[in-house]
Amino acid sequence: MNKRSRPDEIARSFDWPQAYGAEQLIRERLDAFLERNSFARRLAERMRDETGTDFFEWVDHLVVPPDVEPALAKVRFVRDPKCETPSGEIILEHPQAILPRVLCRSKRSRSVVAIKPEFVADFIARHNLQAEPEGESRSRYRRVVVCEESGTRLDAVERRAYRGFAPAKLKRGELEAITKARELFQMRPRQFPDDHEGFVVANRMLNKSLKLVGRDVACQLFFEEERDYWESRNRAGRLQKFRQDALGLGWGNHDHHTFRCSREHFADLIQFLTKLGFQKRERFYAGAEAGWGAQVCEHRVTGIVVFADVDLTPEETEIDFSIKQLPPAKQLGTVGLWVGLHGESFLEAGMHHLEARFDFDSLRDQLQQQGVKLMEPFSDFECLRQAFTEGERWPVRRERTERLVAAGLITREQGEQFVQQGAIGSHLENLQRHGGFKGFNQKAVSAIISATDPRKQAVHQKPAA
């Protein structure tokens, strides 16, 4: 097997398929659309050249005539009978792949492609569109017609915790409730003498938000703020967000959000995500090999995916560590040491990295031109390519190293080194998927976790204050 073939290990019970036939069918229709719509074609070129992204990854849905359904069914698209549409249209999706959805409409309709910037108003402003969006600000579904040309129409849509296609007016007091819930997460305190208190406070704020807007909208608002906080601590993230904002796109291409967690609070994090409506997917057990475990969680309504890492011992690989409270460690692996030096991802440290979907080679080359280097790829398969930007070194507070030294988890010499030199904090991840592949590669993740161990990152200069 060459390095670009299928990953050799897929997490148990989640053997995600490689839907190359389905992707090819969608790409063929997109290529035909781009030939006839000059605005979309130019936008696709700018996405590649200015943001290192693939137009395909920004597509929310396509509108096709009903006679296309049999071809889609052959590549495992199925009907979604629960999806709300304005006129009872058929919605098709591939339930096991990351692919755009398809809306079947009368043969007399135009060929329509809808892209998904994070905020429609930003997209309108950046492209000087003389158009008024359908749907109220912060409502569940907004749409703007971007360009109609040669029997085609390019739309831009914005979703707020909603999978359907029918705009709806905000209810009385709903906008105020959304604003209050967003500010609760925006103002969430992150530094506490005891991390347990941080989780208590976060859950208290979550409960208030759930009463205001419900769990799906609360989930979307929470992760908007998590990305903002991560950006504040990651230069590569700020740079790429600036590049994508220049086209009015935002983080509409996010793939998954990675949290590093202590053993003591891992179950607390998963419980918090469950309250937000996440469902558990793969659970990785790499204890004997690399000293870590991970729980992947997905929120179906918002499409948000979380990859949560934790130190794990070999004997714990047979338990459900996502619900069982783990005892304090006698030694620290890569994840535990990162948390010990910087804090919980859920609290002070923020996410370890954000993964978004890109054109892998284009982003690598463009970031390097901006002075941001990438590490060697840790996944390099046909269906999955992944690489971190070089980690950004954060200062480490002496009180954190003193606690680790007192507990016998690091030596005094190591503690002094971390105080003087800092330790790698966060990354942006360059990720490219093909064939709609939805999974991860356990051996590849093990390799990058090992490569980012703070004990392997000694330098000879002090960190920036």
Foldseek 3Di string as FASTA:
>chain_A
DDQAADFPDFFPPQPFDQLQVLQVVVVVLVVVQCVWFVVLVVVQVCCCQQQQFGQQLFWQEKEEAPVCVVVNVVSQWDWDCVADEDPNWTKTDRVRFPGHIYTHDHNPAFTEIEGEFQDPVLLCVLVVPPWDWPADPPWAKIKTFRDDGDRYTYMYMHGQLGDHHDHDHDDVCLVVLLVVLLVLLLPQAFDDPDVVVSLVSVVVSVVSNCVSHNLSNSVVSNVVNLLVVVCVVDVVSVVSQVSCSSNSRGQSQFQAFEWQAELQCQLSVLVVVVRSPKDWDGWAQCAVPFQKIWIWIARVRVRYIYIYMYGDHNVCSPDPSNNDRDDHDLEDGQSNVLCLFQNTCVGRQGTQEIEGERNQVSNQVVVVVVVWHWDDWLRNHSFKTKIWTPFAFDAGDLVSLVVCCVSVHDPVVVSVQCNFAGFGRHTYMHMHGHSSGNGDHVVSVSVVSNVRRRVVDGDDHHHDD
